[in-house]
């Protein structure tokens, strides 16, 4: 919520997830630090840059330490530094046992984070497997990005 500070937003969402008291405060502080917003914690989110807003969104999503995290294009439109921070945070969460469903058009992100990739086109599943397995099955593609374009085509779809 743009009129609320980052801290107020996280406290609000934390309470929605059932956190309260000292635990809520600890999680809000930890998440602000994790997404690099501790110094801007008391500023309204409405004045944040796009990358800062994305990081605040991610903090709100993880404040309750979910075991399952659904992510829809979490790095779209962010600066390189925010993208690196988000990717590092998600990689650490994955290592810590968090399961993620990650939708992206950035195939290098899928290759870095995902154990299983599903390539979809027009609502249809057209390929599925580990990144390595997919590249093994389609040796003419040097990367997941190339494979995606090979399977879905390079024609623009306006």
N, C-alpha and C. Protein backbone atom coordinates (compact mmCIF):
# COMPACT_ATOMS: atom_id res chain seq x y z
N UNK A 1 0.84 -1.18 0.00
CA UNK A 1 0.00 0.00 0.00
C UNK A 1 0.88 1.24 0.00
N UNK A 2 0.73 2.07 -1.02
CA UNK A 2 1.60 3.20 -1.24
C UNK A 2 1.65 4.22 -0.12
N UNK A 3 0.56 4.43 0.58
CA UNK A 3 0.54 5.43 1.65
C UNK A 3 1.21 4.92 2.93
N UNK A 4 1.37 3.61 3.04
CA UNK A 4 2.01 3.03 4.22
C UNK A 4 3.52 2.93 4.00
N UNK A 5 4.27 2.97 5.07
CA UNK A 5 5.71 2.76 4.98
C UNK A 5 5.98 1.29 4.70
N UNK A 6 7.21 1.00 4.34
CA UNK A 6 7.60 -0.40 4.12
C UNK A 6 7.38 -1.20 5.41
N UNK A 7 7.77 -0.64 6.54
CA UNK A 7 7.60 -1.32 7.82
C UNK A 7 6.11 -1.56 8.11
N UNK A 8 5.29 -0.56 7.88
CA UNK A 8 3.84 -0.71 8.12
C UNK A 8 3.24 -1.76 7.21
N UNK A 9 3.67 -1.78 5.94
CA UNK A 9 3.18 -2.80 5.01
C UNK A 9 3.53 -4.20 5.49
N UNK A 10 4.79 -4.39 5.89
CA UNK A 10 5.20 -5.72 6.33
C UNK A 10 4.49 -6.13 7.61
N UNK A 11 4.29 -5.20 8.52
CA UNK A 11 3.56 -5.50 9.75
C UNK A 11 2.12 -5.88 9.43
N UNK A 12 1.52 -5.16 8.50
CA UNK A 12 0.14 -5.46 8.09
C UNK A 12 0.05 -6.88 7.53
N UNK A 13 0.92 -7.18 6.57
CA UNK A 13 0.87 -8.51 5.96
C UNK A 13 1.28 -9.59 6.95
N UNK A 14 2.22 -9.31 7.80
CA UNK A 14 2.59 -10.27 8.83
C UNK A 14 1.42 -10.60 9.74
N UNK A 15 0.66 -9.58 10.13
CA UNK A 15 -0.53 -9.83 10.97
C UNK A 15 -1.56 -10.65 10.20
N UNK A 16 -1.69 -10.41 8.90
CA UNK A 16 -2.62 -11.21 8.09
C UNK A 16 -2.22 -12.69 8.12
N UNK A 17 -0.93 -12.95 8.20
CA UNK A 17 -0.44 -14.33 8.24
C UNK A 17 -0.41 -14.89 9.66
N UNK A 18 -0.88 -14.12 10.64
CA UNK A 18 -0.98 -14.62 12.00
C UNK A 18 0.21 -14.28 12.90
N UNK A 19 1.15 -13.50 12.41
CA UNK A 19 2.28 -13.11 13.25
C UNK A 19 1.86 -11.99 14.19
N UNK A 20 2.47 -11.95 15.35
CA UNK A 20 2.19 -10.85 16.27
C UNK A 20 3.33 -10.71 17.26
N UNK A 21 3.29 -9.61 17.99
CA UNK A 21 4.25 -9.37 19.06
C UNK A 21 5.69 -9.32 18.59
N UNK A 22 6.55 -9.86 19.44
CA UNK A 22 7.98 -9.82 19.18
C UNK A 22 8.35 -10.55 17.89
N UNK A 23 7.68 -11.68 17.62
CA UNK A 23 7.98 -12.45 16.40
C UNK A 23 7.69 -11.61 15.16
N UNK A 24 6.58 -10.89 15.16
CA UNK A 24 6.24 -10.01 14.04
C UNK A 24 7.33 -8.96 13.85
N UNK A 25 7.73 -8.33 14.90
CA UNK A 25 8.79 -7.32 14.82
C UNK A 25 10.09 -7.88 14.28
N UNK A 26 10.45 -9.07 14.74
CA UNK A 26 11.68 -9.71 14.27
C UNK A 26 11.61 -10.00 12.78
N UNK A 27 10.48 -10.53 12.34
CA UNK A 27 10.33 -10.88 10.92
C UNK A 27 10.31 -9.64 10.04
N UNK A 28 9.64 -8.58 10.49
CA UNK A 28 9.61 -7.34 9.71
C UNK A 28 11.04 -6.81 9.55
N UNK A 29 11.78 -6.75 10.62
CA UNK A 29 13.15 -6.26 10.58
C UNK A 29 14.02 -7.14 9.69
N UNK A 30 13.91 -8.45 9.85
CA UNK A 30 14.71 -9.38 9.05
C UNK A 30 14.41 -9.26 7.57
N UNK A 31 13.14 -9.11 7.22
CA UNK A 31 12.76 -9.02 5.81
C UNK A 31 13.19 -7.69 5.20
N UNK A 32 13.07 -6.61 5.96
CA UNK A 32 13.54 -5.32 5.46
C UNK A 32 15.04 -5.38 5.18
N UNK A 33 15.78 -6.01 6.06
CA UNK A 33 17.21 -6.16 5.84
C UNK A 33 17.50 -7.07 4.65
N UNK A 34 16.76 -8.16 4.55
CA UNK A 34 17.00 -9.14 3.47
C UNK A 34 16.79 -8.53 2.09
N UNK A 35 15.85 -7.60 1.98
CA UNK A 35 15.58 -7.00 0.66
C UNK A 35 16.24 -5.63 0.51
N UNK A 36 17.09 -5.27 1.43
CA UNK A 36 17.85 -4.03 1.31
C UNK A 36 17.04 -2.77 1.51
N UNK A 37 15.99 -2.83 2.33
CA UNK A 37 15.15 -1.66 2.56
C UNK A 37 15.17 -1.18 4.01
N UNK A 38 16.10 -1.65 4.80
CA UNK A 38 16.14 -1.26 6.21
C UNK A 38 16.29 0.25 6.38
N UNK A 39 17.08 0.88 5.52
CA UNK A 39 17.28 2.33 5.64
C UNK A 39 16.09 3.14 5.16
N UNK A 40 15.20 2.53 4.39
CA UNK A 40 14.00 3.21 3.90
C UNK A 40 12.73 2.67 4.56
N UNK A 41 12.88 1.95 5.65
CA UNK A 41 11.77 1.24 6.28
C UNK A 41 10.60 2.14 6.65
N UNK A 42 10.87 3.39 6.99
CA UNK A 42 9.80 4.26 7.46
C UNK A 42 9.34 5.26 6.40
N UNK A 43 9.76 5.06 5.17
CA UNK A 43 9.30 5.89 4.06
C UNK A 43 8.08 5.25 3.40
N UNK A 44 7.17 6.08 2.87
CA UNK A 44 6.01 5.50 2.18
C UNK A 44 6.44 4.73 0.94
N UNK A 45 5.87 3.59 0.73
CA UNK A 45 6.20 2.75 -0.41
C UNK A 45 5.86 3.46 -1.72
N UNK A 46 4.89 4.35 -1.69
CA UNK A 46 4.49 5.08 -2.89
C UNK A 46 5.59 5.91 -3.52
N UNK A 47 6.61 6.28 -2.76
CA UNK A 47 7.70 7.08 -3.33
C UNK A 47 8.88 6.21 -3.78
N UNK A 48 8.79 4.92 -3.58
CA UNK A 48 9.87 4.01 -3.93
C UNK A 48 10.01 3.89 -5.45
N UNK A 49 11.22 3.55 -5.89
CA UNK A 49 11.46 3.22 -7.29
C UNK A 49 10.80 1.87 -7.58
N UNK A 50 10.75 1.52 -8.86
CA UNK A 50 10.16 0.23 -9.24
C UNK A 50 10.87 -0.95 -8.60
N UNK A 51 12.20 -0.90 -8.57
CA UNK A 51 12.97 -1.99 -7.96
C UNK A 51 12.72 -2.10 -6.47
N UNK A 52 12.61 -0.95 -5.81
CA UNK A 52 12.34 -0.95 -4.37
C UNK A 52 10.95 -1.51 -4.09
N UNK A 53 9.98 -1.17 -4.93
CA UNK A 53 8.62 -1.69 -4.76
C UNK A 53 8.61 -3.21 -4.93
N UNK A 54 9.34 -3.71 -5.92
CA UNK A 54 9.41 -5.16 -6.12
C UNK A 54 10.02 -5.85 -4.90
N UNK A 55 11.06 -5.24 -4.36
CA UNK A 55 11.70 -5.82 -3.17
C UNK A 55 10.76 -5.77 -1.98
N UNK A 56 9.99 -4.69 -1.85
CA UNK A 56 9.00 -4.60 -0.76
C UNK A 56 7.92 -5.66 -0.94
N UNK A 57 7.51 -5.90 -2.18
CA UNK A 57 6.52 -6.96 -2.46
C UNK A 57 7.06 -8.32 -2.03
N UNK A 58 8.31 -8.57 -2.37
CA UNK A 58 8.92 -9.85 -2.00
C UNK A 58 9.00 -9.98 -0.48
N UNK A 59 9.38 -8.91 0.20
CA UNK A 59 9.45 -8.94 1.67
C UNK A 59 8.09 -9.27 2.26
N UNK A 60 7.02 -8.69 1.70
CA UNK A 60 5.67 -8.98 2.19
C UNK A 60 5.30 -10.45 1.96
N UNK A 61 5.80 -11.01 0.87
CA UNK A 61 5.49 -12.41 0.55
C UNK A 61 6.22 -13.39 1.45
N UNK A 62 7.36 -12.98 2.00
CA UNK A 62 8.16 -13.93 2.78
C UNK A 62 8.15 -13.64 4.27
N UNK A 63 7.44 -12.60 4.69
CA UNK A 63 7.47 -12.20 6.10
C UNK A 63 7.06 -13.35 7.03
N UNK A 64 6.19 -14.22 6.57
CA UNK A 64 5.70 -15.33 7.40
C UNK A 64 6.47 -16.64 7.17
N UNK A 65 7.59 -16.55 6.45
CA UNK A 65 8.43 -17.71 6.17
C UNK A 65 7.64 -18.87 5.54
N UNK A 66 7.08 -18.61 4.37
CA UNK A 66 6.25 -19.65 3.74
C UNK A 66 7.08 -20.86 3.30
N UNK A 67 6.47 -22.00 3.34
CA UNK A 67 7.11 -23.21 2.81
C UNK A 67 6.92 -23.29 1.30
N UNK A 68 5.86 -22.63 0.81
CA UNK A 68 5.56 -22.57 -0.62
C UNK A 68 5.44 -21.11 -1.01
N UNK A 69 6.17 -20.71 -2.04
CA UNK A 69 6.17 -19.32 -2.48
C UNK A 69 5.81 -19.29 -3.96
N UNK A 70 4.76 -18.56 -4.30
CA UNK A 70 4.33 -18.40 -5.69
C UNK A 70 4.85 -17.05 -6.18
N UNK A 71 5.63 -17.06 -7.24
CA UNK A 71 6.26 -15.85 -7.75
C UNK A 71 5.91 -15.64 -9.22
N UNK A 72 5.40 -14.47 -9.53
CA UNK A 72 5.04 -14.14 -10.90
C UNK A 72 5.89 -12.98 -11.37
N UNK A 73 6.90 -13.29 -12.18
CA UNK A 73 7.80 -12.28 -12.74
C UNK A 73 8.38 -11.36 -11.67
N UNK A 74 9.04 -11.90 -10.65
CA UNK A 74 9.50 -11.05 -9.55
C UNK A 74 10.60 -10.05 -9.90
N UNK A 75 11.25 -10.23 -11.05
CA UNK A 75 12.35 -9.31 -11.38
C UNK A 75 12.04 -8.43 -12.58
N UNK A 76 10.84 -8.49 -13.10
CA UNK A 76 10.53 -7.70 -14.30
C UNK A 76 10.60 -6.21 -13.96
N UNK A 77 11.31 -5.48 -14.80
CA UNK A 77 11.38 -4.04 -14.67
C UNK A 77 12.25 -3.52 -13.54
N UNK A 78 13.12 -4.35 -12.98
CA UNK A 78 13.97 -3.88 -11.88
C UNK A 78 15.39 -3.65 -12.37
N UNK A 79 16.12 -2.84 -11.63
CA UNK A 79 17.51 -2.57 -11.96
C UNK A 79 18.37 -3.80 -11.68
N UNK A 80 19.57 -3.80 -12.22
CA UNK A 80 20.46 -4.96 -12.12
C UNK A 80 20.78 -5.32 -10.67
N UNK A 81 20.96 -4.32 -9.82
CA UNK A 81 21.29 -4.58 -8.42
C UNK A 81 20.11 -5.22 -7.69
N UNK A 82 18.90 -4.71 -7.93
CA UNK A 82 17.71 -5.31 -7.30
C UNK A 82 17.51 -6.73 -7.79
N UNK A 83 17.74 -6.93 -9.08
CA UNK A 83 17.57 -8.28 -9.64
C UNK A 83 18.55 -9.25 -8.99
N UNK A 84 19.80 -8.83 -8.84
CA UNK A 84 20.80 -9.70 -8.21
C UNK A 84 20.42 -10.00 -6.77
N UNK A 85 19.95 -9.00 -6.04
CA UNK A 85 19.55 -9.22 -4.65
C UNK A 85 18.38 -10.20 -4.57
N UNK A 86 17.39 -10.01 -5.43
CA UNK A 86 16.21 -10.88 -5.43
C UNK A 86 16.63 -12.31 -5.76
N UNK A 87 17.47 -12.47 -6.78
CA UNK A 87 17.89 -13.82 -7.17
C UNK A 87 18.69 -14.49 -6.05
N UNK A 88 19.57 -13.74 -5.40
CA UNK A 88 20.34 -14.30 -4.29
C UNK A 88 19.43 -14.71 -3.14
N UNK A 89 18.46 -13.86 -2.83
CA UNK A 89 17.53 -14.16 -1.74
C UNK A 89 16.73 -15.42 -2.05
N UNK A 90 16.22 -15.51 -3.27
CA UNK A 90 15.43 -16.69 -3.66
C UNK A 90 16.28 -17.95 -3.68
N UNK A 91 17.52 -17.85 -4.15
CA UNK A 91 18.42 -19.01 -4.15
C UNK A 91 18.66 -19.49 -2.72
N UNK A 92 18.84 -18.56 -1.80
CA UNK A 92 19.02 -18.93 -0.40
C UNK A 92 17.78 -19.57 0.19
N UNK A 93 16.61 -19.05 -0.18
CA UNK A 93 15.36 -19.65 0.30
C UNK A 93 15.20 -21.07 -0.25
N UNK A 94 15.53 -21.24 -1.52
CA UNK A 94 15.46 -22.58 -2.12
C UNK A 94 16.37 -23.53 -1.37
N UNK A 95 17.58 -23.08 -1.12
CA UNK A 95 18.55 -23.91 -0.39
C UNK A 95 18.03 -24.25 1.01
N UNK A 96 17.26 -23.33 1.59
CA UNK A 96 16.70 -23.53 2.92
C UNK A 96 15.45 -24.40 2.93
N UNK A 97 15.00 -24.84 1.75
CA UNK A 97 13.87 -25.76 1.69
C UNK A 97 12.56 -25.16 1.24
N UNK A 98 12.54 -23.89 0.89
CA UNK A 98 11.30 -23.29 0.39
C UNK A 98 11.03 -23.79 -1.02
N UNK A 99 9.81 -24.25 -1.26
CA UNK A 99 9.38 -24.66 -2.58
C UNK A 99 8.84 -23.43 -3.30
N UNK A 100 9.21 -23.27 -4.57
CA UNK A 100 8.76 -22.12 -5.33
C UNK A 100 8.13 -22.54 -6.64
N UNK A 101 7.06 -21.85 -6.98
CA UNK A 101 6.50 -21.91 -8.33
C UNK A 101 6.84 -20.56 -8.92
N UNK A 102 7.65 -20.56 -9.97
CA UNK A 102 8.28 -19.36 -10.47
C UNK A 102 7.92 -19.15 -11.93
N UNK A 103 7.14 -18.13 -12.22
CA UNK A 103 6.83 -17.84 -13.61
C UNK A 103 7.72 -16.69 -14.09
N UNK A 104 8.29 -16.88 -15.27
CA UNK A 104 9.20 -15.87 -15.80
C UNK A 104 9.35 -16.04 -17.31
N UNK A 105 9.72 -14.95 -17.95
CA UNK A 105 10.14 -15.00 -19.34
C UNK A 105 11.66 -14.96 -19.43
N UNK A 106 12.32 -14.83 -18.29
CA UNK A 106 13.78 -14.79 -18.24
C UNK A 106 14.29 -16.22 -17.99
N UNK A 107 14.64 -16.88 -19.07
CA UNK A 107 15.01 -18.29 -18.97
C UNK A 107 16.27 -18.50 -18.15
N UNK A 108 17.19 -17.52 -18.12
CA UNK A 108 18.39 -17.68 -17.28
C UNK A 108 18.01 -17.73 -15.81
N UNK A 109 16.93 -17.06 -15.42
CA UNK A 109 16.46 -17.14 -14.04
C UNK A 109 15.90 -18.54 -13.76
N UNK A 110 15.13 -19.05 -14.70
CA UNK A 110 14.58 -20.40 -14.55
C UNK A 110 15.71 -21.42 -14.44
N UNK A 111 16.73 -21.27 -15.28
CA UNK A 111 17.86 -22.21 -15.24
C UNK A 111 18.59 -22.14 -13.91
N UNK A 112 18.69 -20.94 -13.34
CA UNK A 112 19.43 -20.76 -12.09
C UNK A 112 18.65 -21.24 -10.87
N UNK A 113 17.34 -21.10 -10.89
CA UNK A 113 16.54 -21.36 -9.68
C UNK A 113 15.73 -22.66 -9.70
N UNK A 114 15.38 -23.13 -10.87
CA UNK A 114 14.37 -24.18 -10.96
C UNK A 114 14.96 -25.58 -11.17
N UNK A 115 14.43 -26.52 -10.42
CA UNK A 115 14.80 -27.92 -10.61
C UNK A 115 14.02 -28.51 -11.79
N UNK A 116 12.80 -28.05 -11.97
CA UNK A 116 11.94 -28.48 -13.07
C UNK A 116 11.42 -27.24 -13.78
N UNK A 117 11.48 -27.27 -15.11
CA UNK A 117 11.01 -26.16 -15.93
C UNK A 117 9.89 -26.69 -16.81
N UNK A 118 8.83 -25.90 -16.92
CA UNK A 118 7.74 -26.20 -17.84
C UNK A 118 7.67 -25.05 -18.83
N UNK A 119 7.84 -25.35 -20.10
CA UNK A 119 7.73 -24.33 -21.14
C UNK A 119 6.31 -24.41 -21.69
N UNK A 120 5.64 -23.26 -21.63
CA UNK A 120 4.26 -23.21 -22.08
C UNK A 120 4.13 -22.23 -23.23
N UNK A 121 3.18 -22.50 -24.10
CA UNK A 121 2.89 -21.61 -25.21
C UNK A 121 1.39 -21.63 -25.45
N UNK A 122 0.80 -20.45 -25.44
CA UNK A 122 -0.64 -20.31 -25.67
C UNK A 122 -1.45 -21.20 -24.72
N UNK A 123 -0.99 -21.28 -23.47
CA UNK A 123 -1.70 -22.05 -22.47
C UNK A 123 -1.47 -23.55 -22.52
N UNK A 124 -0.59 -23.98 -23.39
CA UNK A 124 -0.30 -25.42 -23.52
C UNK A 124 1.11 -25.72 -23.04
N UNK A 125 1.25 -26.82 -22.34
CA UNK A 125 2.56 -27.31 -21.93
C UNK A 125 3.23 -27.96 -23.14
N UNK A 126 4.41 -27.46 -23.52
CA UNK A 126 5.06 -28.03 -24.70
C UNK A 126 6.37 -28.74 -24.38
N UNK A 127 6.93 -28.49 -23.20
CA UNK A 127 8.13 -29.22 -22.78
C UNK A 127 8.26 -29.08 -21.27
N UNK A 128 8.79 -30.14 -20.65
CA UNK A 128 8.96 -30.14 -19.20
C UNK A 128 10.15 -31.01 -18.84
N UNK A 129 10.88 -30.58 -17.84
CA UNK A 129 12.01 -31.36 -17.34
C UNK A 129 12.99 -30.45 -16.62
N UNK A 130 14.06 -31.05 -16.15
CA UNK A 130 15.11 -30.23 -15.53
C UNK A 130 15.76 -29.42 -16.63
N UNK A 131 16.38 -28.28 -16.29
CA UNK A 131 17.07 -27.52 -17.33
C UNK A 131 18.07 -28.38 -18.11
N UNK A 132 18.85 -29.17 -17.39
CA UNK A 132 19.85 -30.02 -18.06
C UNK A 132 19.17 -31.05 -18.97
N UNK A 133 18.09 -31.66 -18.48
CA UNK A 133 17.37 -32.66 -19.26
C UNK A 133 16.78 -32.05 -20.53
N UNK A 134 16.22 -30.87 -20.41
CA UNK A 134 15.64 -30.21 -21.59
C UNK A 134 16.71 -29.93 -22.63
N UNK A 135 17.86 -29.44 -22.18
CA UNK A 135 18.93 -29.15 -23.13
C UNK A 135 19.53 -30.42 -23.73
N UNK A 136 19.47 -31.51 -22.98
CA UNK A 136 19.91 -32.82 -23.50
C UNK A 136 18.95 -33.29 -24.60
N UNK A 137 17.65 -33.11 -24.35
CA UNK A 137 16.63 -33.55 -25.31
C UNK A 137 16.61 -32.69 -26.57
N UNK A 138 17.03 -31.45 -26.45
CA UNK A 138 17.05 -30.53 -27.59
C UNK A 138 18.47 -29.99 -27.76
N UNK A 139 19.40 -30.82 -28.24
CA UNK A 139 20.81 -30.43 -28.27
C UNK A 139 21.12 -29.26 -29.19
N UNK A 140 20.21 -28.93 -30.10
CA UNK A 140 20.46 -27.79 -30.99
C UNK A 140 20.28 -26.45 -30.28
N UNK A 141 19.73 -26.48 -29.07
CA UNK A 141 19.58 -25.25 -28.28
C UNK A 141 20.72 -25.17 -27.26
N UNK A 142 21.42 -24.04 -27.25
CA UNK A 142 22.56 -23.87 -26.34
C UNK A 142 22.14 -23.38 -24.96
N UNK A 143 20.89 -22.91 -24.84
CA UNK A 143 20.41 -22.39 -23.56
C UNK A 143 18.90 -22.56 -23.49
N UNK A 144 18.35 -22.37 -22.29
CA UNK A 144 16.89 -22.44 -22.16
C UNK A 144 16.22 -21.32 -22.96
N UNK A 145 16.85 -20.17 -23.04
CA UNK A 145 16.30 -19.08 -23.83
C UNK A 145 16.17 -19.45 -25.29
N UNK A 146 17.23 -20.05 -25.83
CA UNK A 146 17.18 -20.52 -27.22
C UNK A 146 16.13 -21.61 -27.39
N UNK A 147 16.05 -22.52 -26.43
CA UNK A 147 15.06 -23.58 -26.51
C UNK A 147 13.65 -23.01 -26.49
N UNK A 148 13.40 -22.05 -25.63
CA UNK A 148 12.08 -21.44 -25.57
C UNK A 148 11.69 -20.88 -26.94
N UNK A 149 12.60 -20.12 -27.56
CA UNK A 149 12.29 -19.54 -28.87
C UNK A 149 12.17 -20.61 -29.94
N UNK A 150 12.96 -21.66 -29.83
CA UNK A 150 12.88 -22.76 -30.80
C UNK A 150 11.50 -23.42 -30.71
N UNK A 151 11.00 -23.64 -29.52
CA UNK A 151 9.74 -24.35 -29.33
C UNK A 151 8.51 -23.46 -29.54
N UNK A 152 8.64 -22.17 -29.24
CA UNK A 152 7.48 -21.28 -29.33
C UNK A 152 7.49 -20.41 -30.57
N UNK A 153 8.64 -20.32 -31.22
CA UNK A 153 8.76 -19.49 -32.41
C UNK A 153 9.26 -18.10 -32.07
N UNK A 154 9.76 -17.44 -33.09
CA UNK A 154 10.33 -16.09 -32.92
C UNK A 154 9.39 -15.00 -33.43
N UNK A 155 8.25 -15.41 -33.95
CA UNK A 155 7.31 -14.44 -34.49
C UNK A 155 6.66 -13.65 -33.38
N UNK A 156 6.61 -12.33 -33.55
CA UNK A 156 5.94 -11.49 -32.55
C UNK A 156 4.45 -11.78 -32.54
N UNK A 157 3.88 -11.68 -31.35
CA UNK A 157 2.44 -11.96 -31.18
C UNK A 157 1.79 -10.77 -30.51
N UNK A 158 1.41 -9.82 -31.26
CA UNK A 158 0.79 -8.62 -30.69
C UNK A 158 -0.68 -8.80 -30.43
